[in-house]
Amino acid sequence: MPNNVFTKYIKNLSFFRISGIRKFIVLDIHKDVAELYYVQIKEPLYRINKSKLIESINLLFSENIYFGNDLSLVTEHLKQFVKKYELYETYIIIGINDFRFKTIKLPKDAEDNELWFEENTDKFLPEGRVSDDFIFSYEKYFEDEDNDYYYLVIARRNYIESLTKVCQVTGITIIKISPIPLQLHLIEIIKDKYKLFLSFREEKIIYTFSDNKHNLIFGETFLSNINSVIKGIELKNNSISNGLTEIKQNLSSFINEYESELNIFTVSNNKDNDNYKSIVKSVFFTENVNPDILNIEKLKLAIALNNTFTGKDDSINLLPPDISSNNYELLEKKTSLRIV
């Protein structure tokens, strides 16, 4: 292999992928609940083709941690978890759902894209806020002859820092903080298809849409009268149906001609997923809802793991630079020792 080709290969290779690590914790943080998954990959990641990632996942344990307004409860659960499974060295990916998301197109002839983001991120902040209050990260997800296409994620700095403190538990190393659904377009098994990922929460539906034209849409719709569900299941179902109808309207310009080809995947933190599936089918004209060939829970985990471990190391990561640099350096050293 010529030196320049080898150098490019090494540059684009994820140390996570060649590290030999096979067990991970995925912690998906929502408003008042953290969904914890303990995952084992059946074989080293460097042997796994992206299209085989879902079937390579073995879910060892999962639980919901209801913390209300007290994130310290998550820390205590993690400590107990580490003790129970005797974890002396494990790695955690934190998924977040409180962030701002933008897609950005920059011309190929731009002199310095990194500088562009540093100088222009303020444009995407809430009015009156300054960049020091936020952490941002961006990733190129597509390119053509004329342009590079990026998505940009911005999150409150104090929120991200609070999550890093929550997971500072002996035996656990944080390697990534990012919105899990935004990796949907990278999953090989459903690549180049029209796909919609729906996450049903108590008070809202979070949605991510991706298609074969490289569109990537993220949003959420709040459910009306959801606090009145005690009055009847029908009221709750109507609220969900109305929320889904709103999502369909928001995506109408992308799916009108291709609705029958739309692949929809639903997840929830309760046992109502089958009910959600039937409501989805009543709103969207497609039969491709949670296809039997896929384990939906494993699909979600594959989305979380996909670009982190099977691609290069420049994917979205909101982990503060000082922590990220230190943790990455430790992993790089351990990887080098394994290779030697």
Foldseek 3Di string as FASTA:
>chain_A
DDPVVVVVVVQWAALLQLLFDFWAWEWEDDQFKIKIWIKGFQGRNVVDDLLCRLVRIDTPDIDIQGHNPHLLSLLVVVQVVCVVVVQQAHEYEYAYDAKDKDKDKDWPPDPDVVVVCVVPVVVVDPPPDDPVQKFKAKDFDDDDPTITMMMMIIDGPVVLVVVVVSQPHRNYAYQFYYHLVQLVCVRPNQHQFWEKEWEDEQFKIWIWTAHNVGDIDTDMDTFPPSVVCVVDVVNNLVSLLVRLLVVCVVCCVPPVVPQQRYAYEYDYPDDCRVVSQVSNVVRTVYPRYPDPVGDRVSSSVSSSPPCNHNIGPRPDGRNPPVSNVVSVVVSSVSSVVVVD
